[in-house]
């Protein structure tokens, strides 16, 4: 069933002022409308943080509204410029204005084509993404930002100069209320094999680009310029854990978070590569 979720005429004026006052990217393409292209479980349409009605596949989403998922649920949105957004379980994402998204909780993956830009806000942290595939997780006050291919900028809008470029295979994590830390390396291959936001949906358009980044990491390991460690960051936080091996890491992820396999998109992000 294809439904248009545009607000009735009586609501248009109420949202017009808000939309006009929020800046959006003038260069390149912009996100204007999204379609629910895949849904596993239940999701709801949001307005001002309030659930209005269930969302179904092929429904359309316009700025001023948002989407939330329930436990063990995931949703995929495809925007007009072929940007793809995938939400994990218990996530909430607001489409605040053209090319302006707000993650209020949970995890989502976004694939942005070249020439299309978007700004993503998560509390006091924001990211500018174009021509990249990233994973963003926010569970107040902790956040994780991982780049699978391409390069993205992470910054804190209210703190001038607190801004860094994050390249493929690198992540930044910490408290959204404190200064950004330097990026660290993580294993792209491991994340791609364990993340439901990748495994539970059809292949992404950037699949070959991510595979190329995995190969770069493997070559760096072979040359000993990138060394595997036994450090892992489990989903839903930013605590670094030590595990003995890949097998124990997998077991530890399930023990530490029994719902990880079905509910949490980042079962155990391997902060497992460091430069010597």
Protein backbone atom coordinates (compact mmCIF):
# COMPACT_ATOMS: atom_id res chain seq x y z
CA UNK A 1 0.00 0.00 0.00
CA UNK A 2 1.43 3.36 -1.05
CA UNK A 3 0.45 6.15 1.26
CA UNK A 4 1.55 9.76 1.20
CA UNK A 5 2.33 10.90 4.72
CA UNK A 6 2.25 14.62 3.86
CA UNK A 7 0.37 16.53 6.59
CA UNK A 8 -3.17 17.76 5.80
CA UNK A 9 -3.44 21.39 4.62
CA UNK A 10 -4.35 22.66 8.09
CA UNK A 11 -0.91 21.61 9.36
CA UNK A 12 1.12 23.13 6.52
CA UNK A 13 1.34 26.65 7.96
CA UNK A 14 2.49 25.35 11.35
CA UNK A 15 5.51 23.65 9.82
CA UNK A 16 6.37 26.26 7.19
CA UNK A 17 8.14 28.66 9.57
CA UNK A 18 10.19 25.90 11.18
CA UNK A 19 11.37 24.54 7.84
CA UNK A 20 12.29 27.97 6.51
CA UNK A 21 14.38 28.81 9.56
CA UNK A 22 16.54 25.67 9.40
CA UNK A 23 19.51 26.01 7.01
CA UNK A 24 20.23 23.27 4.53
CA UNK A 25 22.99 22.52 2.07
CA UNK A 26 22.78 24.64 -1.05
CA UNK A 27 25.44 22.71 -2.97
CA UNK A 28 24.73 19.43 -4.71
CA UNK A 29 21.54 17.45 -4.28
CA UNK A 30 19.37 17.51 -1.20
CA UNK A 31 17.16 15.05 0.64
CA UNK A 32 13.52 16.00 0.06
CA UNK A 33 11.41 12.88 0.42
CA UNK A 34 11.90 9.27 1.50
CA UNK A 35 10.10 6.00 0.83
CA UNK A 36 9.99 3.06 3.22
CA UNK A 37 11.68 0.45 1.01
CA UNK A 38 12.11 -2.31 3.61
CA UNK A 39 10.66 -3.01 7.03
CA UNK A 40 11.40 -5.81 9.50
CA UNK A 41 9.04 -5.60 12.47
CA UNK A 42 7.16 -2.47 13.50
CA UNK A 43 7.87 1.21 12.93
CA UNK A 44 5.90 4.38 13.60
CA UNK A 45 5.53 7.81 12.03
CA UNK A 46 6.73 10.59 14.35
CA UNK A 47 5.95 14.27 14.60
CA UNK A 48 7.62 16.33 17.34
CA UNK A 49 8.69 13.07 18.98
CA UNK A 50 5.14 11.73 19.22
CA UNK A 51 4.11 8.51 17.44
CA UNK A 52 1.18 9.17 15.10
CA UNK A 53 0.55 5.92 13.26
CA UNK A 54 2.25 2.72 12.08
CA UNK A 55 4.42 2.93 8.98
CA UNK A 56 4.14 0.38 6.19
CA UNK A 57 6.37 -0.48 3.23
CA UNK A 58 6.02 2.01 0.33
CA UNK A 59 4.84 4.80 2.65
CA UNK A 60 6.41 8.19 1.98
CA UNK A 61 8.07 10.50 4.50
CA UNK A 62 8.46 14.25 4.18
CA UNK A 63 10.41 16.82 6.16
CA UNK A 64 8.91 17.68 9.53
CA UNK A 65 8.27 14.03 10.35
CA UNK A 66 10.31 11.12 11.65
CA UNK A 67 10.46 7.36 12.07
CA UNK A 68 10.91 5.20 15.16
CA UNK A 69 11.43 1.45 15.37
CA UNK A 70 10.43 -0.95 18.12
CA UNK A 71 12.46 -3.73 19.70
CA UNK A 72 13.78 -6.30 17.20
CA UNK A 73 12.71 -4.06 14.31
CA UNK A 74 14.62 -2.42 11.47
CA UNK A 75 13.60 -0.07 8.67
CA UNK A 76 15.11 1.17 5.42
CA UNK A 77 14.34 4.54 3.85
CA UNK A 78 15.37 5.48 0.32
CA UNK A 79 15.47 9.20 -0.40
CA UNK A 80 14.81 11.02 -3.66
CA UNK A 81 18.53 11.26 -4.47
CA UNK A 82 19.04 7.52 -3.80
CA UNK A 83 20.52 8.12 -0.37
CA UNK A 84 19.74 5.15 1.87
CA UNK A 85 19.07 5.24 5.60
CA UNK A 86 18.67 2.10 7.71
CA UNK A 87 17.46 2.24 11.30
CA UNK A 88 18.24 -0.39 13.91
CA UNK A 89 16.01 -1.52 16.76
CA UNK A 90 14.68 1.06 19.23
CA UNK A 91 15.92 3.92 17.06
CA UNK A 92 14.33 7.28 16.36
CA UNK A 93 15.25 9.54 13.44
CA UNK A 94 13.70 12.90 12.59
CA UNK A 95 13.68 14.36 9.08
CA UNK A 96 13.86 17.94 10.34
CA UNK A 97 14.29 19.70 7.01
CA UNK A 98 15.79 19.12 3.59
CA UNK A 99 19.12 17.37 4.08
CA UNK A 100 18.90 17.71 7.87
CA UNK A 101 18.43 14.54 9.94
CA UNK A 102 18.35 14.15 13.71
CA UNK A 103 19.16 10.89 15.50
CA UNK A 104 17.60 11.01 18.95
CA UNK A 105 18.39 7.42 19.94
CA UNK A 106 19.64 4.13 18.57
CA UNK A 107 21.77 3.28 15.56
CA UNK A 108 21.46 3.99 11.88
CA UNK A 109 23.45 3.48 8.72
CA UNK A 110 23.44 6.03 5.95
CA UNK A 111 24.80 5.72 2.42
CA UNK A 112 25.15 9.07 0.68
CA UNK A 113 25.90 9.22 -3.08
CA UNK A 114 28.48 11.66 -4.36
CA UNK A 115 27.05 15.10 -4.99
CA UNK A 116 24.43 14.70 -2.27
CA UNK A 117 25.06 16.16 1.18
CA UNK A 118 23.33 15.80 4.48
CA UNK A 119 23.81 16.99 8.03
CA UNK A 120 23.12 14.57 10.86
CA UNK A 121 22.62 15.75 14.44
CA UNK A 122 22.84 13.64 17.59
CA UNK A 123 22.58 15.83 20.68
CA UNK A 124 25.69 18.07 20.70
CA UNK A 125 27.49 16.14 17.96
CA UNK A 126 26.86 16.54 14.22
CA UNK A 127 28.23 15.05 11.03
CA UNK A 128 28.41 16.22 7.43
CA UNK A 129 28.23 13.30 5.00
CA UNK A 130 28.56 13.19 1.20
CA UNK A 131 29.80 10.33 -0.96
CA UNK A 132 30.30 8.10 2.08
CA UNK A 133 28.73 5.25 4.03
CA UNK A 134 28.69 5.67 7.80
CA UNK A 135 27.18 4.17 10.93
CA UNK A 136 26.06 6.51 13.71
CA UNK A 137 25.00 5.31 17.15
CA UNK A 138 23.67 7.49 19.97
CA UNK A 139 22.58 6.33 23.40
CA UNK A 140 22.79 9.39 25.64
CA UNK A 141 25.33 10.52 26.41
CA UNK A 142 27.52 8.09 24.46
CA UNK A 143 27.96 8.11 20.70
CA UNK A 144 29.91 6.16 18.07
CA UNK A 145 30.60 7.33 14.52
CA UNK A 146 32.15 4.88 12.04
CA UNK A 147 33.04 5.43 8.39
CA UNK A 148 32.83 2.35 6.14
CA UNK A 149 33.86 4.08 2.91
CA UNK A 150 34.54 7.66 1.90
CA UNK A 151 35.28 10.52 4.28
CA UNK A 152 32.93 12.43 6.58
CA UNK A 153 33.29 15.37 8.92
CA UNK A 154 32.33 15.07 12.59
CA UNK A 155 32.00 18.21 14.69
CA UNK A 156 30.27 19.92 17.60
CA UNK A 157 28.29 22.89 16.21
CA UNK A 158 28.36 24.89 19.44
CA UNK A 159 32.11 24.54 19.88
CA UNK A 160 34.16 26.38 17.27
CA UNK A 161 37.13 24.39 16.04
CA UNK A 162 36.01 21.06 17.51
CA UNK A 163 35.86 19.37 14.11
CA UNK A 164 37.66 16.40 12.54
CA UNK A 165 37.68 14.48 9.26
CA UNK A 166 37.01 10.75 9.66
CA UNK A 167 38.18 8.49 6.84
CA UNK A 168 37.20 4.93 5.95
CA UNK A 169 38.05 2.34 8.59
CA UNK A 170 38.18 4.90 11.37
CA UNK A 171 35.76 5.77 14.14
CA UNK A 172 35.23 8.35 16.86
CA UNK A 173 33.42 7.55 20.09
CA UNK A 174 32.85 9.17 23.44
CA UNK A 175 30.55 11.51 25.35
CA UNK A 176 28.57 13.90 23.16
CA UNK A 177 29.02 16.63 25.78
CA UNK A 178 32.81 16.54 25.76
CA UNK A 179 35.48 17.41 23.19
CA UNK A 180 35.90 15.02 20.27
CA UNK A 181 38.72 12.50 20.53
CA UNK A 182 41.08 11.47 17.75
CA UNK A 183 39.77 8.77 15.37
CA UNK A 184 40.87 5.17 15.92
CA UNK A 185 40.95 2.25 13.50
CA UNK A 186 38.34 -0.51 13.49
CA UNK A 187 37.89 -3.68 11.46
CA UNK A 188 35.54 -2.91 8.56
CA UNK A 189 35.29 -6.57 7.54
CA UNK A 190 34.14 -7.67 10.97
CA UNK A 191 31.49 -4.97 11.18
CA UNK A 192 30.14 -5.81 7.72
CA UNK A 193 29.83 -9.48 8.69
CA UNK A 194 28.06 -8.88 12.03
CA UNK A 195 25.96 -5.74 11.53
CA UNK A 196 22.24 -6.46 10.84
CA UNK A 197 21.96 -3.09 9.09
CA UNK A 198 24.16 -4.64 6.42
CA UNK A 199 23.29 -8.34 6.63
CA UNK A 200 19.50 -8.08 6.97
CA UNK A 201 18.97 -5.97 3.84
CA UNK A 202 19.81 -6.10 0.15
CA UNK A 203 23.39 -5.16 -0.86
CA UNK A 204 24.29 -1.49 -0.71
CA UNK A 205 25.41 0.41 -3.77
CA UNK A 206 28.72 1.10 -2.02
CA UNK A 207 29.40 -2.60 -1.41
CA UNK A 208 32.40 -2.69 -3.79
CA UNK A 209 33.85 0.47 -2.26
CA UNK A 210 33.59 -1.03 1.24
CA UNK A 211 35.17 -4.26 0.00
CA UNK A 212 38.06 -2.22 -1.40
CA UNK A 213 38.57 -0.59 1.99
CA UNK A 214 38.59 -4.04 3.63
CA UNK A 215 41.33 -5.10 1.20
CA UNK A 216 43.36 -2.01 2.07
CA UNK A 217 43.19 -2.96 5.75
CA UNK A 218 44.24 -6.53 4.97
CA UNK A 219 47.25 -5.29 2.98
CA UNK A 220 48.19 -2.97 5.84
CA UNK A 221 48.03 -5.91 8.26
CA UNK A 222 50.25 -7.97 5.97
CA UNK A 223 52.83 -5.17 5.95
CA UNK A 224 52.54 -4.79 9.73
CA UNK A 225 51.55 -1.14 9.40
CA UNK A 226 48.22 -2.06 10.95
CA UNK A 227 48.27 -4.46 13.90
CA UNK A 228 45.25 -6.33 15.24
CA UNK A 229 44.54 -5.98 18.96
CA UNK A 230 42.07 -7.68 21.29
CA UNK A 231 40.02 -4.55 21.98
CA UNK A 232 36.28 -4.50 21.32
CA UNK A 233 33.54 -1.93 21.89
CA UNK A 234 30.16 -3.58 22.35
CA UNK A 235 26.92 -2.02 21.19
CA UNK A 236 25.03 0.51 23.24
CA UNK A 237 28.03 2.26 24.78
CA UNK A 238 31.62 3.37 24.38
CA UNK A 239 33.42 1.15 26.91
CA UNK A 240 36.48 -0.60 25.47
CA UNK A 241 36.63 -4.29 26.43
CA UNK A 242 39.52 -6.75 26.18
CA UNK A 243 38.90 -10.22 24.72
CA UNK A 244 41.25 -13.13 24.11
CA UNK A 245 40.30 -14.09 20.56
CA UNK A 246 37.74 -13.65 17.81
CA UNK A 247 35.77 -16.61 19.13
CA UNK A 248 35.72 -15.29 22.67
CA UNK A 249 34.89 -11.85 21.33
CA UNK A 250 31.76 -13.20 19.70
CA UNK A 251 30.80 -15.06 22.86
CA UNK A 252 31.50 -12.01 24.99
CA UNK A 253 29.27 -9.85 22.82
CA UNK A 254 26.36 -12.23 23.33
CA UNK A 255 27.01 -12.54 27.07
CA UNK A 256 27.38 -8.83 27.63
CA UNK A 257 24.30 -8.05 25.57
CA UNK A 258 21.99 -11.05 25.02
CA UNK A 259 19.78 -9.03 22.68
CA UNK A 260 22.68 -8.02 20.49
CA UNK A 261 22.15 -10.65 17.82
CA UNK A 262 18.59 -9.59 17.08
CA UNK A 263 18.15 -6.07 18.39
CA UNK A 264 21.41 -4.18 18.31
CA UNK A 265 22.99 -3.29 14.97
CA UNK A 266 26.51 -3.08 16.41
CA UNK A 267 27.06 -6.42 18.14
CA UNK A 268 30.70 -5.79 18.89
CA UNK A 269 32.57 -3.11 17.03
CA UNK A 270 36.17 -4.21 16.91
CA UNK A 271 38.44 -1.38 17.92
CA UNK A 272 40.89 -3.98 16.83
CA UNK A 273 43.40 -2.23 14.65
CA UNK A 274 46.04 0.20 15.83
CA UNK A 275 49.05 1.69 14.10
CA UNK A 276 52.33 0.63 15.72
